[in-house]
Amino acid sequence: MDPPVITPEALYRTYAGEVYRFALHLCADRSEAEDITSETFVRVWSAGRPLRSLTVRAYLFTVAYNLFRRRWRPPPPVDLAREVADDAPRADEATAQRAELRAVLRRMQTLDPVDRAVLLMHAVHGIPYEEIARALGISVAAAKVKTHRARKTLATLRGDQ
């Protein structure tokens, strides 16, 4: 049995936040991330094909990534943690976690855009390697290698080696 078709309203309501965060991590610019998110949904809606719930998230990330890739320029230094951190007051532990998040986000901006996209799609959004490979036009092995190398690079930059 085929998965259910998703309406445009449900699609946007369900995935807009994830697509925006994905785009923000790719481009490090809130305004550009909003543009990429909007354009992603416009393109998906105007494609004229029904979307199935099993593959829609990877498809949305693919469209967003391709839009980013066409518009990409080296990002200016931006405090991304301000965009993704929880503003609710917490204890000292939360402060340390936010500092670590800021450091990780800064290190992520040094990764190759494709490596960053693969890592975000797999580690943050839980998309299987097979869908990432299809979405980015690479092999499953390449998706796994890129994820491993991106993690290793981040660990090296952190000093974990």
C-alpha atoms as a PDB file:
ATOM      1  CA  MET A   1       0.000   0.000   0.000  1.00  0.00           C
ATOM      2  CA  ASP A   2       1.319   3.439  -0.912  1.00  0.00           C
ATOM      3  CA  PRO A   3       1.994   5.959   1.852  1.00  0.00           C
ATOM      4  CA  PRO A   4      -0.601   8.738   2.101  1.00  0.00           C
ATOM      5  CA  VAL A   5      -0.310  11.885  -0.010  1.00  0.00           C
ATOM      6  CA  ILE A   6       0.495  15.023   1.996  1.00  0.00           C
ATOM      7  CA  THR A   7      -1.453  18.259   1.471  1.00  0.00           C
ATOM      8  CA  PRO A   8       0.545  21.468   0.928  1.00  0.00           C
ATOM      9  CA  GLU A   9      -0.709  22.928   4.219  1.00  0.00           C
ATOM     10  CA  ALA A  10       0.265  19.844   6.207  1.00  0.00           C
ATOM     11  CA  LEU A  11       3.601  19.694   4.401  1.00  0.00           C
ATOM     12  CA  TYR A  12       4.481  23.258   5.341  1.00  0.00           C
ATOM     13  CA  ARG A  13       3.183  22.993   8.902  1.00  0.00           C
ATOM     14  CA  THR A  14       5.118  19.765   9.484  1.00  0.00           C
ATOM     15  CA  TYR A  15       8.446  20.503   7.802  1.00  0.00           C
ATOM     16  CA  ALA A  16       8.989  24.275   7.494  1.00  0.00           C
ATOM     17  CA  GLY A  17      10.885  24.517  10.786  1.00  0.00           C
ATOM     18  CA  GLU A  18      13.213  21.649   9.909  1.00  0.00           C
ATOM     19  CA  VAL A  19      13.888  22.980   6.414  1.00  0.00           C
ATOM     20  CA  TYR A  20      14.603  26.440   7.847  1.00  0.00           C
ATOM     21  CA  ARG A  21      17.064  25.075  10.440  1.00  0.00           C
ATOM     22  CA  PHE A  22      18.747  22.948   7.781  1.00  0.00           C
ATOM     23  CA  ALA A  23      19.102  25.968   5.484  1.00  0.00           C
ATOM     24  CA  LEU A  24      20.331  28.143   8.354  1.00  0.00           C
ATOM     25  CA  HIS A  25      23.056  25.658   9.218  1.00  0.00           C
ATOM     26  CA  LEU A  26      24.092  25.525   5.567  1.00  0.00           C
ATOM     27  CA  CYS A  27      24.228  29.252   4.839  1.00  0.00           C
ATOM     28  CA  ALA A  28      24.637  30.879   8.279  1.00  0.00           C
ATOM     29  CA  ASP A  29      22.317  33.737   7.306  1.00  0.00           C
ATOM     30  CA  ARG A  30      18.798  34.001   8.709  1.00  0.00           C
ATOM     31  CA  SER A  31      17.407  36.000   5.805  1.00  0.00           C
ATOM     32  CA  GLU A  32      18.885  33.682   3.204  1.00  0.00           C
ATOM     33  CA  ALA A  33      17.660  30.641   5.152  1.00  0.00           C
ATOM     34  CA  GLU A  34      14.144  32.113   5.108  1.00  0.00           C
ATOM     35  CA  ASP A  35      14.429  32.668   1.337  1.00  0.00           C
ATOM     36  CA  ILE A  36      15.684  29.121   0.780  1.00  0.00           C
ATOM     37  CA  THR A  37      12.864  27.731   2.924  1.00  0.00           C
ATOM     38  CA  SER A  38      10.209  29.721   1.076  1.00  0.00           C
ATOM     39  CA  GLU A  39      11.623  28.853  -2.325  1.00  0.00           C
ATOM     40  CA  THR A  40      11.850  25.173  -1.351  1.00  0.00           C
ATOM     41  CA  PHE A  41       8.129  24.983  -0.641  1.00  0.00           C
ATOM     42  CA  VAL A  42       7.195  27.028  -3.723  1.00  0.00           C
ATOM     43  CA  ARG A  43       9.172  24.651  -5.932  1.00  0.00           C
ATOM     44  CA  VAL A  44       7.765  21.551  -4.285  1.00  0.00           C
ATOM     45  CA  TRP A  45       4.183  22.825  -4.522  1.00  0.00           C
ATOM     46  CA  SER A  46       4.573  23.888  -8.143  1.00  0.00           C
ATOM     47  CA  ALA A  47       6.125  20.564  -9.193  1.00  0.00           C
ATOM     48  CA  GLY A  48       2.642  19.161  -9.652  1.00  0.00           C
ATOM     49  CA  ARG A  49       3.486  15.731  -8.241  1.00  0.00           C
ATOM     50  CA  PRO A  50       1.842  14.243  -5.170  1.00  0.00           C
ATOM     51  CA  LEU A  51       4.277  13.828  -2.286  1.00  0.00           C
ATOM     52  CA  ARG A  52       4.398  10.647  -0.257  1.00  0.00           C
ATOM     53  CA  SER A  53       5.082  10.819   3.460  1.00  0.00           C
ATOM     54  CA  LEU A  54       7.931   8.272   3.488  1.00  0.00           C
ATOM     55  CA  THR A  55      10.355  10.288   1.366  1.00  0.00           C
ATOM     56  CA  VAL A  56       9.148  13.861   1.650  1.00  0.00           C
ATOM     57  CA  ARG A  57      11.662  15.101   4.246  1.00  0.00           C
ATOM     58  CA  ALA A  58      14.689  13.972   2.246  1.00  0.00           C
ATOM     59  CA  TYR A  59      13.128  15.481  -0.874  1.00  0.00           C
ATOM     60  CA  LEU A  60      12.608  18.838   0.859  1.00  0.00           C
ATOM     61  CA  PHE A  61      16.205  18.817   2.114  1.00  0.00           C
ATOM     62  CA  THR A  62      17.397  18.007  -1.394  1.00  0.00           C
ATOM     63  CA  VAL A  63      15.526  20.969  -2.865  1.00  0.00           C
ATOM     64  CA  ALA A  64      16.803  23.258  -0.085  1.00  0.00           C
ATOM     65  CA  TYR A  65      20.371  22.026  -0.514  1.00  0.00           C
ATOM     66  CA  ASN A  66      20.261  22.558  -4.288  1.00  0.00           C
ATOM     67  CA  LEU A  67      18.921  26.089  -3.801  1.00  0.00           C
ATOM     68  CA  PHE A  68      21.692  26.766  -1.287  1.00  0.00           C
ATOM     69  CA  ARG A  69      24.329  25.332  -3.604  1.00  0.00           C
ATOM     70  CA  ARG A  70      23.223  27.624  -6.440  1.00  0.00           C
ATOM     71  CA  ARG A  71      23.335  30.672  -4.162  1.00  0.00           C
ATOM     72  CA  TRP A  72      26.211  29.701  -1.873  1.00  0.00           C
ATOM     73  CA  ARG A  73      28.980  32.058  -0.984  1.00  0.00           C
ATOM     74  CA  PRO A  74      31.349  31.761   1.962  1.00  0.00           C
ATOM     75  CA  PRO A  75      29.309  32.716   5.022  1.00  0.00           C
ATOM     76  CA  PRO A  76      30.243  35.682   7.171  1.00  0.00           C
ATOM     77  CA  PRO A  77      30.970  34.872  10.799  1.00  0.00           C
ATOM     78  CA  VAL A  78      27.582  34.606  12.485  1.00  0.00           C
ATOM     79  CA  ASP A  79      26.583  33.551  15.950  1.00  0.00           C
ATOM     80  CA  LEU A  80      24.280  30.721  14.878  1.00  0.00           C
ATOM     81  CA  ALA A  81      23.704  29.623  18.453  1.00  0.00           C
ATOM     82  CA  ARG A  82      21.582  32.738  18.967  1.00  0.00           C
ATOM     83  CA  GLU A  83      19.290  31.441  16.240  1.00  0.00           C
ATOM     84  CA  VAL A  84      18.944  27.891  17.546  1.00  0.00           C
ATOM     85  CA  ALA A  85      19.567  28.157  21.281  1.00  0.00           C
ATOM     86  CA  ASP A  86      16.731  28.029  23.749  1.00  0.00           C
ATOM     87  CA  ASP A  87      16.261  31.464  25.344  1.00  0.00           C
ATOM     88  CA  ALA A  88      14.615  30.102  28.482  1.00  0.00           C
ATOM     89  CA  PRO A  89      16.719  30.759  31.583  1.00  0.00           C
ATOM     90  CA  ARG A  90      18.471  27.651  32.938  1.00  0.00           C
ATOM     91  CA  ALA A  91      21.235  26.591  35.273  1.00  0.00           C
ATOM     92  CA  ASP A  92      24.995  26.742  34.648  1.00  0.00           C
ATOM     93  CA  GLU A  93      24.855  23.426  32.832  1.00  0.00           C
ATOM     94  CA  ALA A  94      22.681  24.932  30.123  1.00  0.00           C
ATOM     95  CA  THR A  95      25.125  27.821  29.743  1.00  0.00           C
ATOM     96  CA  ALA A  96      27.972  25.378  29.171  1.00  0.00           C
ATOM     97  CA  GLN A  97      25.864  23.434  26.667  1.00  0.00           C
ATOM     98  CA  ARG A  98      25.042  26.599  24.729  1.00  0.00           C
ATOM     99  CA  ALA A  99      28.731  27.526  24.625  1.00  0.00           C
ATOM    100  CA  GLU A 100      29.528  24.064  23.267  1.00  0.00           C
ATOM    101  CA  LEU A 101      26.720  24.389  20.711  1.00  0.00           C
ATOM    102  CA  ARG A 102      28.126  27.715  19.519  1.00  0.00           C
ATOM    103  CA  ALA A 103      31.572  26.153  19.183  1.00  0.00           C
ATOM    104  CA  VAL A 104      30.222  23.170  17.222  1.00  0.00           C
ATOM    105  CA  LEU A 105      28.221  25.422  14.900  1.00  0.00           C
ATOM    106  CA  ARG A 106      31.308  27.571  14.236  1.00  0.00           C
ATOM    107  CA  ARG A 107      33.333  24.443  13.464  1.00  0.00           C
ATOM    108  CA  MET A 108      30.578  23.135  11.181  1.00  0.00           C
ATOM    109  CA  GLN A 109      30.881  26.247   9.030  1.00  0.00           C
ATOM    110  CA  THR A 110      34.451  25.185   8.161  1.00  0.00           C
ATOM    111  CA  LEU A 111      33.229  21.934   6.576  1.00  0.00           C
ATOM    112  CA  ASP A 112      32.749  21.557   2.847  1.00  0.00           C
ATOM    113  CA  PRO A 113      29.086  22.372   2.054  1.00  0.00           C
ATOM    114  CA  VAL A 114      28.361  18.842   0.793  1.00  0.00           C
ATOM    115  CA  ASP A 115      29.953  17.276   3.884  1.00  0.00           C
ATOM    116  CA  ARG A 116      27.996  19.657   6.107  1.00  0.00           C
ATOM    117  CA  ALA A 117      24.746  18.789   4.310  1.00  0.00           C
ATOM    118  CA  VAL A 118      25.364  15.043   4.627  1.00  0.00           C
ATOM    119  CA  LEU A 119      26.208  15.354   8.315  1.00  0.00           C
ATOM    120  CA  LEU A 120      23.147  17.497   9.038  1.00  0.00           C
ATOM    121  CA  MET A 121      20.817  15.239   7.091  1.00  0.00           C
ATOM    122  CA  HIS A 122      22.051  12.096   8.842  1.00  0.00           C
ATOM    123  CA  ALA A 123      23.049  13.153  12.350  1.00  0.00           C
ATOM    124  CA  VAL A 124      20.512  15.894  13.013  1.00  0.00           C
ATOM    125  CA  HIS A 125      17.532  14.857  10.911  1.00  0.00           C
ATOM    126  CA  GLY A 126      18.025  11.074  10.940  1.00  0.00           C
ATOM    127  CA  ILE A 127      17.732  10.600   7.202  1.00  0.00           C
ATOM    128  CA  PRO A 128      19.073   7.187   6.099  1.00  0.00           C
ATOM    129  CA  TYR A 129      22.244   7.076   4.008  1.00  0.00           C
ATOM    130  CA  GLU A 130      20.325   5.661   1.036  1.00  0.00           C
ATOM    131  CA  GLU A 131      18.023   8.691   0.901  1.00  0.00           C
ATOM    132  CA  ILE A 132      20.947  11.097   1.387  1.00  0.00           C
ATOM    133  CA  ALA A 133      22.815   9.425  -1.470  1.00  0.00           C
ATOM    134  CA  ARG A 134      19.791   9.750  -3.760  1.00  0.00           C
ATOM    135  CA  ALA A 135      19.147  13.321  -2.658  1.00  0.00           C
ATOM    136  CA  LEU A 136      22.697  14.536  -3.293  1.00  0.00           C
ATOM    137  CA  GLY A 137      23.519  12.323  -6.268  1.00  0.00           C
ATOM    138  CA  ILE A 138      26.312  10.424  -4.533  1.00  0.00           C
ATOM    139  CA  SER A 139      26.797   6.780  -3.633  1.00  0.00           C
ATOM    140  CA  VAL A 140      25.725   5.337  -0.283  1.00  0.00           C
ATOM    141  CA  ALA A 141      29.388   4.627   0.460  1.00  0.00           C
ATOM    142  CA  ALA A 142      30.278   8.260  -0.286  1.00  0.00           C
ATOM    143  CA  ALA A 143      27.514   9.460   2.051  1.00  0.00           C
ATOM    144  CA  LYS A 144      28.878   7.262   4.835  1.00  0.00           C
ATOM    145  CA  VAL A 145      32.464   8.364   4.191  1.00  0.00           C
ATOM    146  CA  LYS A 146      31.481  12.040   4.114  1.00  0.00           C
ATOM    147  CA  THR A 147      29.617  11.669   7.417  1.00  0.00           C
ATOM    148  CA  HIS A 148      32.571   9.917   9.006  1.00  0.00           C
ATOM    149  CA  ARG A 149      35.070  12.470   7.718  1.00  0.00           C
ATOM    150  CA  ALA A 150      32.906  15.406   8.789  1.00  0.00           C
ATOM    151  CA  ARG A 151      32.616  13.974  12.300  1.00  0.00           C
ATOM    152  CA  LYS A 152      36.347  13.290  12.396  1.00  0.00           C
ATOM    153  CA  THR A 153      37.109  16.834  11.216  1.00  0.00           C
ATOM    154  CA  LEU A 154      34.821  18.306  13.884  1.00  0.00           C
ATOM    155  CA  ALA A 155      36.457  16.140  16.546  1.00  0.00           C
ATOM    156  CA  THR A 156      39.922  17.206  15.387  1.00  0.00           C
ATOM    157  CA  LEU A 157      38.912  20.865  15.463  1.00  0.00           C
ATOM    158  CA  ARG A 158      37.569  20.316  18.964  1.00  0.00           C
ATOM    159  CA  GLY A 159      40.794  18.654  20.030  1.00  0.00           C
ATOM    160  CA  ASP A 160      39.338  15.186  20.711  1.00  0.00           C
ATOM    161  CA  GLN A 161      41.329  13.439  17.978  1.00  0.00           C
END
